[in-house]
Amino acid sequence: MAPKVLVILTSHDKLGDTGKPTGWFLPEFAHPHDVLTSASFSITTASPNGGLAPLDPASIEMYKEDASSTSFLANKKSLWENTEKLSTFLGRADEFDAVFVPGGHGPMFDLAVDEMSQKVIAEFADKGKVVAAVCHGPGAFVNVRLAGGEHLLEGKEVTGFSNAEEEIMGLTAAMPFLLEDKVKAEGGKFVKAEEPWGAKVVVDGKLITGQNPASATGVGEAIVKAVKGG
């Protein structure tokens, strides 16, 4: 049977008080998708609201020369336009091998505080499934507590979009929190590439995190390795 991944996408489409749209970031789903499907993984998508999960239009423009992203955009719209409601997956972790959260600023606003998202992710972790995210995706982990009461990130090596990268983007003030600071506050050991925008993938047991868009392919590869071994 083909390995199965539940991909959790944001339902949030506004970038704080900036008036700008946001959502999930194109290459952070497109690149892992290519890796996973090449390894014969089956992908199911969910979001808090179900239905359309907003794609950040800025990521379409930024990656218009990226073949993987443009192909994904043209051919895989059903994956984000017809997501299932996340609540329907509570109690179903045994049906999957991994859960994965792509980034984009959207998850910082909804998945970070969505109780259903926290419960689903905690269930995957408690059952020993692979739990993965890239860029701002680890924002979905910052309030997750496991069945024993401990924080998902406590004592774990974790990466994600860094304070320096957020500052370069000029969006520090627009964020509800800074991911690097929050990971540290919850007992995680935040690690990052030597320079902003450098690829960085961190694997700590079944927890897989990537720092930024450049890390998305590596996160996909790490999921395949963690599920299939080798």
C-alpha atoms as a PDB file:
ATOM      1  CA  MET A   1       0.000   0.000   0.000  1.00  0.00           C
ATOM      2  CA  ALA A   2       1.296   3.466  -0.884  1.00  0.00           C
ATOM      3  CA  PRO A   3       2.446   5.591   2.058  1.00  0.00           C
ATOM      4  CA  LYS A   4      -0.012   8.383   2.878  1.00  0.00           C
ATOM      5  CA  VAL A   5       0.637  11.966   3.951  1.00  0.00           C
ATOM      6  CA  LEU A   6      -1.907  14.376   5.364  1.00  0.00           C
ATOM      7  CA  VAL A   7      -1.014  17.910   4.269  1.00  0.00           C
ATOM      8  CA  ILE A   8      -2.494  20.645   6.465  1.00  0.00           C
ATOM      9  CA  LEU A   9      -2.938  23.967   4.684  1.00  0.00           C
ATOM     10  CA  THR A  10      -3.872  27.331   6.144  1.00  0.00           C
ATOM     11  CA  SER A  11      -7.315  28.871   5.690  1.00  0.00           C
ATOM     12  CA  HIS A  12      -6.043  32.388   6.486  1.00  0.00           C
ATOM     13  CA  ASP A  13      -5.718  34.899   3.654  1.00  0.00           C
ATOM     14  CA  LYS A  14      -4.912  38.302   5.232  1.00  0.00           C
ATOM     15  CA  LEU A  15      -1.407  39.424   6.244  1.00  0.00           C
ATOM     16  CA  GLY A  16      -2.111  40.981   9.625  1.00  0.00           C
ATOM     17  CA  ASP A  17      -3.106  44.644   9.347  1.00  0.00           C
ATOM     18  CA  THR A  18      -1.096  45.261   6.164  1.00  0.00           C
ATOM     19  CA  GLY A  19      -4.059  44.901   3.823  1.00  0.00           C
ATOM     20  CA  LYS A  20      -2.021  42.428   1.783  1.00  0.00           C
ATOM     21  CA  PRO A  21      -3.160  38.882   0.946  1.00  0.00           C
ATOM     22  CA  THR A  22      -1.368  35.841   2.274  1.00  0.00           C
ATOM     23  CA  GLY A  23      -1.891  32.083   2.550  1.00  0.00           C
ATOM     24  CA  TRP A  24       0.405  29.145   1.903  1.00  0.00           C
ATOM     25  CA  PHE A  25       3.615  29.506  -0.138  1.00  0.00           C
ATOM     26  CA  LEU A  26       3.705  27.814  -3.540  1.00  0.00           C
ATOM     27  CA  PRO A  27       7.141  26.079  -3.624  1.00  0.00           C
ATOM     28  CA  GLU A  28       6.752  24.887  -0.044  1.00  0.00           C
ATOM     29  CA  PHE A  29       3.999  22.541  -1.185  1.00  0.00           C
ATOM     30  CA  ALA A  30       5.037  22.089  -4.832  1.00  0.00           C
ATOM     31  CA  HIS A  31       8.593  20.913  -4.161  1.00  0.00           C
ATOM     32  CA  PRO A  32       7.768  18.373  -1.420  1.00  0.00           C
ATOM     33  CA  HIS A  33       4.799  17.218  -3.504  1.00  0.00           C
ATOM     34  CA  ASP A  34       7.134  16.338  -6.378  1.00  0.00           C
ATOM     35  CA  VAL A  35       9.427  14.393  -4.070  1.00  0.00           C
ATOM     36  CA  LEU A  36       6.614  12.557  -2.317  1.00  0.00           C
ATOM     37  CA  THR A  37       4.678  11.596  -5.429  1.00  0.00           C
ATOM     38  CA  SER A  38       7.890  10.447  -7.117  1.00  0.00           C
ATOM     39  CA  ALA A  39       8.279   8.077  -4.176  1.00  0.00           C
ATOM     40  CA  SER A  40       4.696   6.833  -4.687  1.00  0.00           C
ATOM     41  CA  PHE A  41       3.221   8.641  -1.687  1.00  0.00           C
ATOM     42  CA  SER A  42      -0.481   9.452  -1.639  1.00  0.00           C
ATOM     43  CA  ILE A  43      -1.406  12.989  -0.544  1.00  0.00           C
ATOM     44  CA  THR A  44      -4.587  14.165   1.181  1.00  0.00           C
ATOM     45  CA  THR A  45      -5.147  17.856   1.926  1.00  0.00           C
ATOM     46  CA  ALA A  46      -7.047  19.428   4.803  1.00  0.00           C
ATOM     47  CA  SER A  47      -7.555  22.915   6.201  1.00  0.00           C
ATOM     48  CA  PRO A  48      -9.428  24.379   9.184  1.00  0.00           C
ATOM     49  CA  ASN A  49     -12.306  25.643   7.038  1.00  0.00           C
ATOM     50  CA  GLY A  50     -12.158  23.029   4.282  1.00  0.00           C
ATOM     51  CA  GLY A  51     -12.647  24.005   0.649  1.00  0.00           C
ATOM     52  CA  LEU A  52     -10.290  26.578  -0.819  1.00  0.00           C
ATOM     53  CA  ALA A  53      -6.987  27.004   1.019  1.00  0.00           C
ATOM     54  CA  PRO A  54      -5.622  30.423  -0.054  1.00  0.00           C
ATOM     55  CA  LEU A  55      -2.399  30.445  -2.036  1.00  0.00           C
ATOM     56  CA  ASP A  56      -0.211  33.511  -1.412  1.00  0.00           C
ATOM     57  CA  PRO A  57      -0.225  35.357  -4.753  1.00  0.00           C
ATOM     58  CA  ALA A  58       3.230  36.791  -4.054  1.00  0.00           C
ATOM     59  CA  SER A  59       4.654  33.261  -4.164  1.00  0.00           C
ATOM     60  CA  ILE A  60       3.196  32.725  -7.640  1.00  0.00           C
ATOM     61  CA  GLU A  61       5.017  35.782  -8.903  1.00  0.00           C
ATOM     62  CA  MET A  62       8.259  34.991  -7.064  1.00  0.00           C
ATOM     63  CA  TYR A  63       8.402  31.436  -8.446  1.00  0.00           C
ATOM     64  CA  LYS A  64       7.063  32.000 -11.964  1.00  0.00           C
ATOM     65  CA  GLU A  65      10.393  30.770 -13.393  1.00  0.00           C
ATOM     66  CA  ASP A  66      10.421  27.663 -11.206  1.00  0.00           C
ATOM     67  CA  ALA A  67       9.305  24.675 -13.272  1.00  0.00           C
ATOM     68  CA  SER A  68       8.103  22.617 -10.324  1.00  0.00           C
ATOM     69  CA  SER A  69       5.977  25.460  -8.970  1.00  0.00           C
ATOM     70  CA  THR A  70       4.468  26.427 -12.313  1.00  0.00           C
ATOM     71  CA  SER A  71       3.584  22.814 -13.140  1.00  0.00           C
ATOM     72  CA  PHE A  72       2.032  22.323  -9.703  1.00  0.00           C
ATOM     73  CA  LEU A  73       0.052  25.541 -10.093  1.00  0.00           C
ATOM     74  CA  ALA A  74      -1.252  24.510 -13.494  1.00  0.00           C
ATOM     75  CA  ASN A  75      -2.039  20.871 -12.817  1.00  0.00           C
ATOM     76  CA  LYS A  76      -2.779  20.290  -9.117  1.00  0.00           C
ATOM     77  CA  LYS A  77      -5.333  22.960  -8.201  1.00  0.00           C
ATOM     78  CA  SER A  78      -7.719  20.414  -6.699  1.00  0.00           C
ATOM     79  CA  LEU A  79      -5.232  19.813  -3.888  1.00  0.00           C
ATOM     80  CA  TRP A  80      -5.800  23.292  -2.456  1.00  0.00           C
ATOM     81  CA  GLU A  81      -9.144  24.272  -3.951  1.00  0.00           C
ATOM     82  CA  ASN A  82     -10.973  21.249  -2.498  1.00  0.00           C
ATOM     83  CA  THR A  83      -9.379  20.551   0.870  1.00  0.00           C
ATOM     84  CA  GLU A  84     -11.250  18.455   3.385  1.00  0.00           C
ATOM     85  CA  LYS A  85     -12.240  19.968   6.710  1.00  0.00           C
ATOM     86  CA  LEU A  86      -9.471  19.306   9.217  1.00  0.00           C
ATOM     87  CA  SER A  87     -11.864  18.231  11.968  1.00  0.00           C
ATOM     88  CA  THR A  88     -12.784  15.126   9.949  1.00  0.00           C
ATOM     89  CA  PHE A  89      -9.258  13.771  10.481  1.00  0.00           C
ATOM     90  CA  LEU A  90      -9.290  13.690  14.271  1.00  0.00           C
ATOM     91  CA  GLY A  91      -8.927  10.072  15.333  1.00  0.00           C
ATOM     92  CA  ARG A  92      -7.577   8.977  11.943  1.00  0.00           C
ATOM     93  CA  ALA A  93      -3.790   9.251  12.361  1.00  0.00           C
ATOM     94  CA  ASP A  94      -3.457   5.493  11.930  1.00  0.00           C
ATOM     95  CA  GLU A  95      -4.573   5.902   8.304  1.00  0.00           C
ATOM     96  CA  PHE A  96      -1.468   7.966   7.515  1.00  0.00           C
ATOM     97  CA  ASP A  97       2.303   7.739   7.738  1.00  0.00           C
ATOM     98  CA  ALA A  98       3.011  11.454   8.130  1.00  0.00           C
ATOM     99  CA  VAL A  99       1.513  14.905   8.526  1.00  0.00           C
ATOM    100  CA  PHE A 100       3.096  17.885   6.744  1.00  0.00           C
ATOM    101  CA  VAL A 101       2.477  21.624   7.053  1.00  0.00           C
ATOM    102  CA  PRO A 102       3.716  23.899   4.240  1.00  0.00           C
ATOM    103  CA  GLY A 103       4.614  27.463   5.142  1.00  0.00           C
ATOM    104  CA  GLY A 104       3.514  30.852   3.992  1.00  0.00           C
ATOM    105  CA  HIS A 105       2.511  33.446   6.567  1.00  0.00           C
ATOM    106  CA  GLY A 106      -1.028  32.085   6.828  1.00  0.00           C
ATOM    107  CA  PRO A 107      -0.256  29.314   9.363  1.00  0.00           C
ATOM    108  CA  MET A 108       1.091  31.898  11.803  1.00  0.00           C
ATOM    109  CA  PHE A 109      -2.400  33.349  12.096  1.00  0.00           C
ATOM    110  CA  ASP A 110      -4.676  30.304  12.114  1.00  0.00           C
ATOM    111  CA  LEU A 111      -2.889  26.975  12.505  1.00  0.00           C
ATOM    112  CA  ALA A 112      -0.798  28.288  15.399  1.00  0.00           C
ATOM    113  CA  VAL A 113      -3.922  28.806  17.517  1.00  0.00           C
ATOM    114  CA  ASP A 114      -6.393  26.370  15.941  1.00  0.00           C
ATOM    115  CA  GLU A 115      -7.309  23.774  18.549  1.00  0.00           C
ATOM    116  CA  MET A 116      -8.335  21.168  15.986  1.00  0.00           C
ATOM    117  CA  SER A 117      -5.002  21.505  14.193  1.00  0.00           C
ATOM    118  CA  GLN A 118      -3.205  21.104  17.508  1.00  0.00           C
ATOM    119  CA  LYS A 119      -5.208  17.984  18.359  1.00  0.00           C
ATOM    120  CA  VAL A 120      -4.633  16.347  14.972  1.00  0.00           C
ATOM    121  CA  ILE A 121      -0.883  17.058  15.024  1.00  0.00           C
ATOM    122  CA  ALA A 122      -0.594  15.845  18.623  1.00  0.00           C
ATOM    123  CA  GLU A 123      -2.356  12.619  17.689  1.00  0.00           C
ATOM    124  CA  PHE A 124       0.103  11.980  14.849  1.00  0.00           C
ATOM    125  CA  ALA A 125       3.038  12.617  17.184  1.00  0.00           C
ATOM    126  CA  ASP A 126       1.621  10.490  19.993  1.00  0.00           C
ATOM    127  CA  LYS A 127       1.203   7.578  17.571  1.00  0.00           C
ATOM    128  CA  GLY A 128       4.805   7.849  16.397  1.00  0.00           C
ATOM    129  CA  LYS A 129       3.995   9.200  12.955  1.00  0.00           C
ATOM    130  CA  VAL A 130       6.277  11.577  11.062  1.00  0.00           C
ATOM    131  CA  VAL A 131       5.421  15.212  11.824  1.00  0.00           C
ATOM    132  CA  ALA A 132       6.916  17.726   9.372  1.00  0.00           C
ATOM    133  CA  ALA A 133       6.731  21.387   8.374  1.00  0.00           C
ATOM    134  CA  VAL A 134       8.683  23.990   6.445  1.00  0.00           C
ATOM    135  CA  CYS A 135       9.320  27.745   6.769  1.00  0.00           C
ATOM    136  CA  HIS A 136       6.369  29.246   8.722  1.00  0.00           C
ATOM    137  CA  GLY A 137       4.720  25.806   8.800  1.00  0.00           C
ATOM    138  CA  PRO A 138       6.296  24.991  12.192  1.00  0.00           C
ATOM    139  CA  GLY A 139       4.094  27.790  13.497  1.00  0.00           C
ATOM    140  CA  ALA A 140       1.431  25.075  13.600  1.00  0.00           C
ATOM    141  CA  PHE A 141       3.539  23.275  16.241  1.00  0.00           C
ATOM    142  CA  VAL A 142       4.120  26.069  18.754  1.00  0.00           C
ATOM    143  CA  ASN A 143       1.031  25.356  20.883  1.00  0.00           C
ATOM    144  CA  VAL A 144       0.866  21.568  20.455  1.00  0.00           C
ATOM    145  CA  ARG A 145       0.931  19.514  23.626  1.00  0.00           C
ATOM    146  CA  LEU A 146       1.153  15.736  23.647  1.00  0.00           C
ATOM    147  CA  ALA A 147      -0.993  13.299  25.598  1.00  0.00           C
ATOM    148  CA  GLY A 148       1.484  13.333  28.482  1.00  0.00           C
ATOM    149  CA  GLY A 149       1.299  17.105  28.763  1.00  0.00           C
ATOM    150  CA  GLU A 150       4.728  17.875  27.358  1.00  0.00           C
ATOM    151  CA  HIS A 151       5.164  20.320  24.509  1.00  0.00           C
ATOM    152  CA  LEU A 152       5.771  18.817  21.056  1.00  0.00           C
ATOM    153  CA  LEU A 153       8.910  20.943  20.612  1.00  0.00           C
ATOM    154  CA  GLU A 154      10.337  20.627  24.115  1.00  0.00           C
ATOM    155  CA  GLY A 155      13.971  19.566  23.945  1.00  0.00           C
ATOM    156  CA  LYS A 156      13.787  19.075  20.171  1.00  0.00           C
ATOM    157  CA  GLU A 157      16.037  20.563  17.533  1.00  0.00           C
ATOM    158  CA  VAL A 158      13.790  22.666  15.314  1.00  0.00           C
ATOM    159  CA  THR A 159      14.199  25.123  12.470  1.00  0.00           C
ATOM    160  CA  GLY A 160      11.837  27.465  10.664  1.00  0.00           C
ATOM    161  CA  PHE A 161      11.691  30.974   9.259  1.00  0.00           C
ATOM    162  CA  SER A 162      14.254  32.932  11.267  1.00  0.00           C
ATOM    163  CA  ASN A 163      13.980  36.348  12.862  1.00  0.00           C
ATOM    164  CA  ALA A 164      16.615  37.635  10.427  1.00  0.00           C
ATOM    165  CA  GLU A 165      14.638  36.417   7.419  1.00  0.00           C
ATOM    166  CA  GLU A 166      11.432  37.976   8.750  1.00  0.00           C
ATOM    167  CA  GLU A 167      13.292  41.249   9.237  1.00  0.00           C
ATOM    168  CA  ILE A 168      14.625  41.144   5.673  1.00  0.00           C
ATOM    169  CA  MET A 169      11.059  40.646   4.450  1.00  0.00           C
ATOM    170  CA  GLY A 170       9.994  43.701   6.443  1.00  0.00           C
ATOM    171  CA  LEU A 171       7.178  41.769   8.081  1.00  0.00           C
ATOM    172  CA  THR A 172       8.329  41.475  11.688  1.00  0.00           C
ATOM    173  CA  ALA A 173       5.687  43.927  12.916  1.00  0.00           C
ATOM    174  CA  ALA A 174       2.922  42.209  10.939  1.00  0.00           C
ATOM    175  CA  MET A 175       3.431  38.839  12.618  1.00  0.00           C
ATOM    176  CA  PRO A 176       1.390  37.702  15.622  1.00  0.00           C
ATOM    177  CA  PHE A 177       4.657  36.277  16.971  1.00  0.00           C
ATOM    178  CA  LEU A 178       8.164  35.550  15.733  1.00  0.00           C
ATOM    179  CA  LEU A 179       8.618  31.858  15.031  1.00  0.00           C
ATOM    180  CA  GLU A 180      12.231  31.664  16.177  1.00  0.00           C
ATOM    181  CA  ASP A 181      11.394  33.329  19.504  1.00  0.00           C
ATOM    182  CA  LYS A 182       8.314  31.181  20.095  1.00  0.00           C
ATOM    183  CA  VAL A 183      10.133  27.909  19.402  1.00  0.00           C
ATOM    184  CA  LYS A 184      12.748  28.871  21.965  1.00  0.00           C
ATOM    185  CA  ALA A 185      10.093  29.950  24.474  1.00  0.00           C
ATOM    186  CA  GLU A 186       8.443  26.540  24.249  1.00  0.00           C
ATOM    187  CA  GLY A 187      11.679  24.681  24.969  1.00  0.00           C
ATOM    188  CA  GLY A 188      12.751  23.947  21.408  1.00  0.00           C
ATOM    189  CA  LYS A 189      16.383  24.205  20.313  1.00  0.00           C
ATOM    190  CA  PHE A 190      16.166  26.535  17.316  1.00  0.00           C
ATOM    191  CA  VAL A 191      18.870  25.972  14.713  1.00  0.00           C
ATOM    192  CA  LYS A 192      19.334  27.690  11.363  1.00  0.00           C
ATOM    193  CA  ALA A 193      21.527  27.989   8.298  1.00  0.00           C
ATOM    194  CA  GLU A 194      24.674  30.091   8.542  1.00  0.00           C
ATOM    195  CA  GLU A 195      23.159  32.751   6.289  1.00  0.00           C
ATOM    196  CA  PRO A 196      19.545  33.855   5.721  1.00  0.00           C
ATOM    197  CA  TRP A 197      17.805  31.955   2.904  1.00  0.00           C
ATOM    198  CA  GLY A 198      20.255  29.065   3.143  1.00  0.00           C
ATOM    199  CA  ALA A 199      18.752  25.575   2.974  1.00  0.00           C
ATOM    200  CA  LYS A 200      18.410  23.903   6.374  1.00  0.00           C
ATOM    201  CA  VAL A 201      16.530  20.714   7.226  1.00  0.00           C
ATOM    202  CA  VAL A 202      16.498  19.387  10.773  1.00  0.00           C
ATOM    203  CA  VAL A 203      15.462  15.862  11.711  1.00  0.00           C
ATOM    204  CA  ASP A 204      14.954  15.078  15.392  1.00  0.00           C
ATOM    205  CA  GLY A 205      13.395  11.651  15.708  1.00  0.00           C
ATOM    206  CA  LYS A 206      10.098  11.758  13.804  1.00  0.00           C
ATOM    207  CA  LEU A 207      10.020  15.590  13.847  1.00  0.00           C
ATOM    208  CA  ILE A 208      11.183  17.162  10.565  1.00  0.00           C
ATOM    209  CA  THR A 209      11.462  20.910   9.981  1.00  0.00           C
ATOM    210  CA  GLY A 210      12.836  23.095   7.197  1.00  0.00           C
ATOM    211  CA  GLN A 211      13.893  26.728   7.510  1.00  0.00           C
ATOM    212  CA  ASN A 212      12.655  28.419   4.334  1.00  0.00           C
ATOM    213  CA  PRO A 213      11.578  27.849   0.704  1.00  0.00           C
ATOM    214  CA  ALA A 214      15.056  26.600  -0.208  1.00  0.00           C
ATOM    215  CA  SER A 215      14.553  23.809   2.337  1.00  0.00           C
ATOM    216  CA  ALA A 216      11.261  22.490   0.947  1.00  0.00           C
ATOM    217  CA  THR A 217      12.708  19.773  -1.307  1.00  0.00           C
ATOM    218  CA  GLY A 218      14.919  18.568   1.528  1.00  0.00           C
ATOM    219  CA  VAL A 219      11.931  18.288   3.833  1.00  0.00           C
ATOM    220  CA  GLY A 220      10.163  16.126   1.263  1.00  0.00           C
ATOM    221  CA  GLU A 221      13.217  13.913   0.992  1.00  0.00           C
ATOM    222  CA  ALA A 222      13.464  13.648   4.781  1.00  0.00           C
ATOM    223  CA  ILE A 223       9.798  12.582   4.996  1.00  0.00           C
ATOM    224  CA  VAL A 224      10.392   9.832   2.448  1.00  0.00           C
ATOM    225  CA  LYS A 225      13.460   8.616   4.314  1.00  0.00           C
ATOM    226  CA  ALA A 226      11.734   8.708   7.695  1.00  0.00           C
ATOM    227  CA  VAL A 227       8.737   6.749   6.417  1.00  0.00           C
ATOM    228  CA  LYS A 228      10.493   4.261   4.138  1.00  0.00           C
ATOM    229  CA  GLY A 229      13.846   4.072   5.874  1.00  0.00           C
ATOM    230  CA  GLY A 230      17.210   3.925   4.127  1.00  0.00           C
END
